[in-house]
């Protein structure tokens, strides 16, 4: 990974890549996301989430998008976003 993090999610995408979202580092919750390509063993940054969040859920939908919900950023979140 390009950024150390915990309390993140990892979602397998329909193309076989893995989307890593949010979590936290030593300075607090993250809004960054990364893609891991297991076929090449490489990591790439991708667009940020709308909200920084940790301890959230992420579900890969049939259409290939990832639904990210809840979590916290020092306040409990009731928001959702599609990635």
PDB file of N, CA and C in Angstrom:
ATOM      1  N   UNK A   1       0.849  -1.177   0.000  1.00  0.00           N
ATOM      2  CA  UNK A   1       0.000   0.000   0.000  1.00  0.00           C
ATOM      3  C   UNK A   1       0.891   1.236   0.000  1.00  0.00           C
ATOM      4  N   UNK A   2       0.354   2.298  -0.574  1.00  0.00           N
ATOM      5  CA  UNK A   2       1.076   3.561  -0.578  1.00  0.00           C
ATOM      6  C   UNK A   2       0.940   4.293   0.748  1.00  0.00           C
ATOM      7  N   UNK A   3      -0.131   4.002   1.506  1.00  0.00           N
ATOM      8  CA  UNK A   3      -0.380   4.640   2.788  1.00  0.00           C
ATOM      9  C   UNK A   3      -0.628   3.559   3.833  1.00  0.00           C
ATOM     10  N   UNK A   4       0.014   3.701   4.986  1.00  0.00           N
ATOM     11  CA  UNK A   4      -0.288   2.755   6.068  1.00  0.00           C
ATOM     12  C   UNK A   4      -1.663   3.118   6.625  1.00  0.00           C
ATOM     13  N   UNK A   5      -2.435   2.109   6.980  1.00  0.00           N
ATOM     14  CA  UNK A   5      -3.791   2.349   7.461  1.00  0.00           C
ATOM     15  C   UNK A   5      -4.305   1.129   8.211  1.00  0.00           C
ATOM     16  N   UNK A   6      -5.242   1.370   9.104  1.00  0.00           N
ATOM     17  CA  UNK A   6      -6.008   0.286   9.713  1.00  0.00           C
ATOM     18  C   UNK A   6      -7.472   0.716   9.741  1.00  0.00           C
ATOM     19  N   UNK A   7      -8.350  -0.181  10.113  1.00  0.00           N
ATOM     20  CA  UNK A   7      -9.801   0.065  10.124  1.00  0.00           C
ATOM     21  C   UNK A   7     -10.332   0.466   8.742  1.00  0.00           C
ATOM     22  N   UNK A   8      -9.728  -0.064   7.687  1.00  0.00           N
ATOM     23  CA  UNK A   8     -10.125   0.201   6.304  1.00  0.00           C
ATOM     24  C   UNK A   8     -10.957  -0.967   5.780  1.00  0.00           C
ATOM     25  N   UNK A   9     -11.389  -0.864   4.531  1.00  0.00           N
ATOM     26  CA  UNK A   9     -12.069  -1.977   3.876  1.00  0.00           C
ATOM     27  C   UNK A   9     -11.295  -2.378   2.630  1.00  0.00           C
ATOM     28  N   UNK A  10     -11.504  -3.610   2.219  1.00  0.00           N
ATOM     29  CA  UNK A  10     -10.915  -4.136   0.985  1.00  0.00           C
ATOM     30  C   UNK A  10     -12.029  -4.839   0.217  1.00  0.00           C
ATOM     31  N   UNK A  11     -12.294  -4.379  -1.002  1.00  0.00           N
ATOM     32  CA  UNK A  11     -13.388  -4.918  -1.819  1.00  0.00           C
ATOM     33  C   UNK A  11     -12.838  -5.435  -3.137  1.00  0.00           C
ATOM     34  N   UNK A  12     -13.181  -6.672  -3.478  1.00  0.00           N
ATOM     35  CA  UNK A  12     -12.757  -7.237  -4.759  1.00  0.00           C
ATOM     36  C   UNK A  12     -13.690  -6.718  -5.849  1.00  0.00           C
ATOM     37  N   UNK A  13     -13.100  -6.133  -6.887  1.00  0.00           N
ATOM     38  CA  UNK A  13     -13.866  -5.583  -8.000  1.00  0.00           C
ATOM     39  C   UNK A  13     -14.058  -6.630  -9.089  1.00  0.00           C
ATOM     40  N   UNK A  14     -14.975  -6.360 -10.004  1.00  0.00           N
ATOM     41  CA  UNK A  14     -15.269  -7.319 -11.070  1.00  0.00           C
ATOM     42  C   UNK A  14     -14.081  -7.540 -12.001  1.00  0.00           C
ATOM     43  N   UNK A  15     -13.138  -6.596 -12.056  1.00  0.00           N
ATOM     44  CA  UNK A  15     -11.948  -6.753 -12.900  1.00  0.00           C
ATOM     45  C   UNK A  15     -10.807  -7.478 -12.181  1.00  0.00           C
ATOM     46  N   UNK A  16     -11.064  -7.934 -10.942  1.00  0.00           N
ATOM     47  CA  UNK A  16     -10.068  -8.672 -10.185  1.00  0.00           C
ATOM     48  C   UNK A  16      -9.186  -7.814  -9.302  1.00  0.00           C
ATOM     49  N   UNK A  17      -9.253  -6.493  -9.469  1.00  0.00           N
ATOM     50  CA  UNK A  17      -8.471  -5.604  -8.611  1.00  0.00           C
ATOM     51  C   UNK A  17      -9.159  -5.474  -7.258  1.00  0.00           C
ATOM     52  N   UNK A  18      -8.424  -4.960  -6.282  1.00  0.00           N
ATOM     53  CA  UNK A  18      -8.952  -4.801  -4.933  1.00  0.00           C
ATOM     54  C   UNK A  18      -8.952  -3.317  -4.587  1.00  0.00           C
ATOM     55  N   UNK A  19     -10.118  -2.802  -4.183  1.00  0.00           N
ATOM     56  CA  UNK A  19     -10.263  -1.407  -3.784  1.00  0.00           C
ATOM     57  C   UNK A  19     -10.123  -1.310  -2.274  1.00  0.00           C
ATOM     58  N   UNK A  20      -9.167  -0.517  -1.820  1.00  0.00           N
ATOM     59  CA  UNK A  20      -8.945  -0.265  -0.396  1.00  0.00           C
ATOM     60  C   UNK A  20      -9.450   1.143  -0.113  1.00  0.00           C
ATOM     61  N   UNK A  21     -10.349   1.298   0.862  1.00  0.00           N
ATOM     62  CA  UNK A  21     -10.901   2.620   1.152  1.00  0.00           C
ATOM     63  C   UNK A  21     -10.780   2.965   2.622  1.00  0.00           C
ATOM     64  N   UNK A  22     -10.520   4.256   2.864  1.00  0.00           N
ATOM     65  CA  UNK A  22     -10.573   4.819   4.200  1.00  0.00           C
ATOM     66  C   UNK A  22      -9.653   4.175   5.207  1.00  0.00           C
ATOM     67  N   UNK A  23     -10.150   4.136   6.439  1.00  0.00           N
ATOM     68  CA  UNK A  23      -9.355   3.661   7.553  1.00  0.00           C
ATOM     69  C   UNK A  23      -8.766   4.836   8.308  1.00  0.00           C
ATOM     70  N   UNK A  24      -7.707   4.565   9.021  1.00  0.00           N
ATOM     71  CA  UNK A  24      -7.034   5.642   9.742  1.00  0.00           C
ATOM     72  C   UNK A  24      -5.540   5.395   9.744  1.00  0.00           C
ATOM     73  N   UNK A  25      -4.798   6.480   9.953  1.00  0.00           N
ATOM     74  CA  UNK A  25      -3.364   6.381  10.171  1.00  0.00           C
ATOM     75  C   UNK A  25      -3.064   7.057  11.507  1.00  0.00           C
ATOM     76  N   UNK A  26      -1.832   7.391  11.775  1.00  0.00           N
ATOM     77  CA  UNK A  26      -1.468   7.997  13.062  1.00  0.00           C
ATOM     78  C   UNK A  26      -2.126   9.349  13.293  1.00  0.00           C
ATOM     79  N   UNK A  27      -2.593  10.003  12.230  1.00  0.00           N
ATOM     80  CA  UNK A  27      -3.144  11.350  12.338  1.00  0.00           C
ATOM     81  C   UNK A  27      -4.659  11.381  12.292  1.00  0.00           C
ATOM     82  N   UNK A  28      -5.310  10.241  12.104  1.00  0.00           N
ATOM     83  CA  UNK A  28      -6.766  10.219  12.118  1.00  0.00           C
ATOM     84  C   UNK A  28      -7.373   9.531  10.910  1.00  0.00           C
ATOM     85  N   UNK A  29      -8.696   9.662  10.739  1.00  0.00           N
ATOM     86  CA  UNK A  29      -9.413   9.004   9.651  1.00  0.00           C
ATOM     87  C   UNK A  29      -8.932   9.472   8.277  1.00  0.00           C
ATOM     88  N   UNK A  30      -9.048   8.569   7.298  1.00  0.00           N
ATOM     89  CA  UNK A  30      -8.576   8.829   5.938  1.00  0.00           C
ATOM     90  C   UNK A  30      -9.735   8.880   4.948  1.00  0.00           C
ATOM     91  N   UNK A  31      -9.568   9.664   3.910  1.00  0.00           N
ATOM     92  CA  UNK A  31     -10.516   9.706   2.808  1.00  0.00           C
ATOM     93  C   UNK A  31      -9.906   9.189   1.523  1.00  0.00           C
ATOM     94  N   UNK A  32      -8.717   8.633   1.619  1.00  0.00           N
ATOM     95  CA  UNK A  32      -8.010   8.153   0.432  1.00  0.00           C
ATOM     96  C   UNK A  32      -8.440   6.739   0.070  1.00  0.00           C
ATOM     97  N   UNK A  33      -8.172   6.392  -1.180  1.00  0.00           N
ATOM     98  CA  UNK A  33      -8.474   5.048  -1.671  1.00  0.00           C
ATOM     99  C   UNK A  33      -7.339   4.599  -2.586  1.00  0.00           C
ATOM    100  N   UNK A  34      -7.121   3.292  -2.622  1.00  0.00           N
ATOM    101  CA  UNK A  34      -6.065   2.719  -3.446  1.00  0.00           C
ATOM    102  C   UNK A  34      -6.589   1.475  -4.146  1.00  0.00           C
ATOM    103  N   UNK A  35      -5.978   1.161  -5.269  1.00  0.00           N
ATOM    104  CA  UNK A  35      -6.292  -0.062  -6.003  1.00  0.00           C
ATOM    105  C   UNK A  35      -5.075  -0.972  -5.998  1.00  0.00           C
ATOM    106  N   UNK A  36      -5.302  -2.232  -5.663  1.00  0.00           N
ATOM    107  CA  UNK A  36      -4.246  -3.240  -5.730  1.00  0.00           C
ATOM    108  C   UNK A  36      -4.544  -4.154  -6.906  1.00  0.00           C
ATOM    109  N   UNK A  37      -3.537  -4.373  -7.732  1.00  0.00           N
ATOM    110  CA  UNK A  37      -3.664  -5.275  -8.878  1.00  0.00           C
ATOM    111  C   UNK A  37      -2.882  -6.546  -8.568  1.00  0.00           C
ATOM    112  N   UNK A  38      -3.562  -7.633  -8.197  1.00  0.00           N
ATOM    113  CA  UNK A  38      -2.855  -8.860  -7.828  1.00  0.00           C
ATOM    114  C   UNK A  38      -2.099  -9.496  -8.990  1.00  0.00           C
ATOM    115  N   UNK A  39      -2.481  -9.179 -10.226  1.00  0.00           N
ATOM    116  CA  UNK A  39      -1.778  -9.780 -11.368  1.00  0.00           C
ATOM    117  C   UNK A  39      -0.392  -9.180 -11.569  1.00  0.00           C
ATOM    118  N   UNK A  40      -0.206  -7.932 -11.111  1.00  0.00           N
ATOM    119  CA  UNK A  40       1.103  -7.283 -11.244  1.00  0.00           C
ATOM    120  C   UNK A  40       1.758  -6.998  -9.899  1.00  0.00           C
ATOM    121  N   UNK A  41       0.979  -7.133  -8.814  1.00  0.00           N
ATOM    122  CA  UNK A  41       1.505  -6.846  -7.484  1.00  0.00           C
ATOM    123  C   UNK A  41       1.737  -5.364  -7.246  1.00  0.00           C
ATOM    124  N   UNK A  42       1.004  -4.503  -7.972  1.00  0.00           N
ATOM    125  CA  UNK A  42       1.226  -3.064  -7.852  1.00  0.00           C
ATOM    126  C   UNK A  42       0.041  -2.364  -7.196  1.00  0.00           C
ATOM    127  N   UNK A  43       0.350  -1.229  -6.586  1.00  0.00           N
ATOM    128  CA  UNK A  43      -0.640  -0.375  -5.943  1.00  0.00           C
ATOM    129  C   UNK A  43      -0.743   0.933  -6.710  1.00  0.00           C
ATOM    130  N   UNK A  44      -1.932   1.499  -6.780  1.00  0.00           N
ATOM    131  CA  UNK A  44      -2.138   2.806  -7.402  1.00  0.00           C
ATOM    132  C   UNK A  44      -3.154   3.586  -6.576  1.00  0.00           C
ATOM    133  N   UNK A  45      -2.911   4.876  -6.418  1.00  0.00           N
ATOM    134  CA  UNK A  45      -3.907   5.707  -5.749  1.00  0.00           C
ATOM    135  C   UNK A  45      -5.044   5.971  -6.721  1.00  0.00           C
ATOM    136  N   UNK A  46      -6.217   6.189  -6.175  1.00  0.00           N
ATOM    137  CA  UNK A  46      -7.386   6.512  -6.986  1.00  0.00           C
ATOM    138  C   UNK A  46      -8.128   7.639  -6.282  1.00  0.00           C
ATOM    139  N   UNK A  47      -9.224   8.096  -6.822  1.00  0.00           N
ATOM    140  CA  UNK A  47      -9.926   9.254  -6.279  1.00  0.00           C
ATOM    141  C   UNK A  47     -10.316   9.112  -4.819  1.00  0.00           C
ATOM    142  N   UNK A  48     -10.308  10.230  -4.118  1.00  0.00           N
ATOM    143  CA  UNK A  48     -10.669  10.240  -2.706  1.00  0.00           C
ATOM    144  C   UNK A  48     -12.166  10.036  -2.511  1.00  0.00           C
ATOM    145  N   UNK A  49     -12.524   9.559  -1.337  1.00  0.00           N
ATOM    146  CA  UNK A  49     -13.927   9.457  -0.964  1.00  0.00           C
ATOM    147  C   UNK A  49     -14.460  10.853  -0.650  1.00  0.00           C
ATOM    148  N   UNK A  50     -15.770  10.993  -0.588  1.00  0.00           N
ATOM    149  CA  UNK A  50     -16.382  12.274  -0.254  1.00  0.00           C
ATOM    150  C   UNK A  50     -16.102  12.647   1.194  1.00  0.00           C
ATOM    151  N   UNK A  51     -16.133  11.664   2.088  1.00  0.00           N
ATOM    152  CA  UNK A  51     -15.901  11.884   3.513  1.00  0.00           C
ATOM    153  C   UNK A  51     -14.748  11.014   3.985  1.00  0.00           C
ATOM    154  N   UNK A  52     -13.949  11.538   4.917  1.00  0.00           N
ATOM    155  CA  UNK A  52     -12.981  10.665   5.577  1.00  0.00           C
ATOM    156  C   UNK A  52     -13.780   9.730   6.468  1.00  0.00           C
ATOM    157  N   UNK A  53     -13.361   8.468   6.547  1.00  0.00           N
ATOM    158  CA  UNK A  53     -14.094   7.523   7.388  1.00  0.00           C
ATOM    159  C   UNK A  53     -13.236   6.309   7.712  1.00  0.00           C
ATOM    160  N   UNK A  54     -13.512   5.759   8.863  1.00  0.00           N
ATOM    161  CA  UNK A  54     -12.900   4.513   9.318  1.00  0.00           C
ATOM    162  C   UNK A  54     -14.010   3.638   9.881  1.00  0.00           C
ATOM    163  N   UNK A  55     -13.739   2.358  10.036  1.00  0.00           N
ATOM    164  CA  UNK A  55     -14.716   1.412  10.605  1.00  0.00           C
ATOM    165  C   UNK A  55     -16.020   1.392   9.813  1.00  0.00           C
ATOM    166  N   UNK A  56     -15.944   1.602   8.510  1.00  0.00           N
ATOM    167  CA  UNK A  56     -17.108   1.621   7.635  1.00  0.00           C
ATOM    168  C   UNK A  56     -17.288   0.256   6.985  1.00  0.00           C
ATOM    169  N   UNK A  57     -18.325   0.126   6.192  1.00  0.00           N
ATOM    170  CA  UNK A  57     -18.520  -1.088   5.405  1.00  0.00           C
ATOM    171  C   UNK A  57     -18.406  -0.744   3.927  1.00  0.00           C
ATOM    172  N   UNK A  58     -18.062  -1.738   3.136  1.00  0.00           N
ATOM    173  CA  UNK A  58     -17.979  -1.566   1.687  1.00  0.00           C
ATOM    174  C   UNK A  58     -18.475  -2.850   1.039  1.00  0.00           C
ATOM    175  N   UNK A  59     -19.428  -2.708   0.141  1.00  0.00           N
ATOM    176  CA  UNK A  59     -20.033  -3.864  -0.526  1.00  0.00           C
ATOM    177  C   UNK A  59     -19.931  -3.695  -2.034  1.00  0.00           C
ATOM    178  N   UNK A  60     -19.397  -4.707  -2.708  1.00  0.00           N
ATOM    179  CA  UNK A  60     -19.332  -4.679  -4.165  1.00  0.00           C
ATOM    180  C   UNK A  60     -20.703  -5.055  -4.717  1.00  0.00           C
ATOM    181  N   UNK A  61     -21.262  -4.193  -5.550  1.00  0.00           N
ATOM    182  CA  UNK A  61     -22.587  -4.404  -6.123  1.00  0.00           C
ATOM    183  C   UNK A  61     -22.486  -5.127  -7.463  1.00  0.00           C
ATOM    184  N   UNK A  62     -23.607  -5.657  -7.927  1.00  0.00           N
ATOM    185  CA  UNK A  62     -23.623  -6.395  -9.199  1.00  0.00           C
ATOM    186  C   UNK A  62     -23.169  -5.545 -10.377  1.00  0.00           C
ATOM    187  N   UNK A  63     -23.392  -4.233 -10.307  1.00  0.00           N
ATOM    188  CA  UNK A  63     -22.998  -3.348 -11.405  1.00  0.00           C
ATOM    189  C   UNK A  63     -21.510  -2.984 -11.364  1.00  0.00           C
ATOM    190  N   UNK A  64     -20.786  -3.533 -10.378  1.00  0.00           N
ATOM    191  CA  UNK A  64     -19.350  -3.301 -10.278  1.00  0.00           C
ATOM    192  C   UNK A  64     -18.957  -2.149  -9.379  1.00  0.00           C
ATOM    193  N   UNK A  65     -19.926  -1.330  -8.976  1.00  0.00           N
ATOM    194  CA  UNK A  65     -19.616  -0.226  -8.070  1.00  0.00           C
ATOM    195  C   UNK A  65     -19.512  -0.748  -6.642  1.00  0.00           C
ATOM    196  N   UNK A  66     -18.902   0.066  -5.785  1.00  0.00           N
ATOM    197  CA  UNK A  66     -18.760  -0.298  -4.378  1.00  0.00           C
ATOM    198  C   UNK A  66     -19.560   0.699  -3.548  1.00  0.00           C
ATOM    199  N   UNK A  67     -20.460   0.183  -2.715  1.00  0.00           N
ATOM    200  CA  UNK A  67     -21.265   1.001  -1.817  1.00  0.00           C
ATOM    201  C   UNK A  67     -20.540   1.092  -0.484  1.00  0.00           C
ATOM    202  N   UNK A  68     -20.194   2.309  -0.096  1.00  0.00           N
ATOM    203  CA  UNK A  68     -19.489   2.560   1.161  1.00  0.00           C
ATOM    204  C   UNK A  68     -20.470   3.234   2.105  1.00  0.00           C
ATOM    205  N   UNK A  69     -20.621   2.676   3.305  1.00  0.00           N
ATOM    206  CA  UNK A  69     -21.615   3.202   4.239  1.00  0.00           C
ATOM    207  C   UNK A  69     -21.053   3.312   5.646  1.00  0.00           C
ATOM    208  N   UNK A  70     -21.605   4.286   6.371  1.00  0.00           N
ATOM    209  CA  UNK A  70     -21.351   4.422   7.792  1.00  0.00           C
ATOM    210  C   UNK A  70     -19.914   4.675   8.171  1.00  0.00           C
ATOM    211  N   UNK A  71     -19.549   4.142   9.322  1.00  0.00           N
ATOM    212  CA  UNK A  71     -18.229   4.369   9.877  1.00  0.00           C
ATOM    213  C   UNK A  71     -18.223   5.600  10.759  1.00  0.00           C
ATOM    214  N   UNK A  72     -17.029   6.101  11.007  1.00  0.00           N
ATOM    215  CA  UNK A  72     -16.933   7.319  11.806  1.00  0.00           C
ATOM    216  C   UNK A  72     -15.720   8.137  11.386  1.00  0.00           C
ATOM    217  N   UNK A  73     -15.787   9.408  11.725  1.00  0.00           N
ATOM    218  CA  UNK A  73     -14.665  10.325  11.570  1.00  0.00           C
ATOM    219  C   UNK A  73     -14.588  11.183  12.829  1.00  0.00           C
ATOM    220  N   UNK A  74     -14.654  10.521  13.956  1.00  0.00           N
ATOM    221  CA  UNK A  74     -14.781  11.051  15.310  1.00  0.00           C
ATOM    222  C   UNK A  74     -16.231  11.370  15.637  1.00  0.00           C
ATOM    223  N   UNK A  75     -17.107  11.293  14.643  1.00  0.00           N
ATOM    224  CA  UNK A  75     -18.553  11.312  14.822  1.00  0.00           C
ATOM    225  C   UNK A  75     -19.093  10.150  14.004  1.00  0.00           C
ATOM    226  N   UNK A  76     -20.144   9.501  14.485  1.00  0.00           N
ATOM    227  CA  UNK A  76     -20.717   8.373  13.751  1.00  0.00           C
ATOM    228  C   UNK A  76     -21.391   8.907  12.490  1.00  0.00           C
ATOM    229  N   UNK A  77     -21.089   8.284  11.363  1.00  0.00           N
ATOM    230  CA  UNK A  77     -21.607   8.731  10.069  1.00  0.00           C
ATOM    231  C   UNK A  77     -22.833   7.923   9.655  1.00  0.00           C
ATOM    232  N   UNK A  78     -23.825   8.586   9.084  1.00  0.00           N
ATOM    233  CA  UNK A  78     -24.978   7.886   8.517  1.00  0.00           C
ATOM    234  C   UNK A  78     -25.028   8.097   7.004  1.00  0.00           C
ATOM    235  N   UNK A  79     -23.902   8.445   6.421  1.00  0.00           N
ATOM    236  CA  UNK A  79     -23.835   8.722   4.985  1.00  0.00           C
ATOM    237  C   UNK A  79     -23.394   7.492   4.208  1.00  0.00           C
ATOM    238  N   UNK A  80     -23.652   7.556   2.908  1.00  0.00           N
ATOM    239  CA  UNK A  80     -23.239   6.485   2.001  1.00  0.00           C
ATOM    240  C   UNK A  80     -22.729   7.125   0.720  1.00  0.00           C
ATOM    241  N   UNK A  81     -21.851   6.429   0.031  1.00  0.00           N
ATOM    242  CA  UNK A  81     -21.367   6.904  -1.261  1.00  0.00           C
ATOM    243  C   UNK A  81     -21.043   5.719  -2.151  1.00  0.00           C
ATOM    244  N   UNK A  82     -21.160   5.942  -3.444  1.00  0.00           N
ATOM    245  CA  UNK A  82     -20.816   4.917  -4.430  1.00  0.00           C
ATOM    246  C   UNK A  82     -19.447   5.229  -4.993  1.00  0.00           C
ATOM    247  N   UNK A  83     -18.645   4.214  -5.109  1.00  0.00           N
ATOM    248  CA  UNK A  83     -17.295   4.380  -5.623  1.00  0.00           C
ATOM    249  C   UNK A  83     -17.154   3.616  -6.905  1.00  0.00           C
TER     250      UNK A  83
END
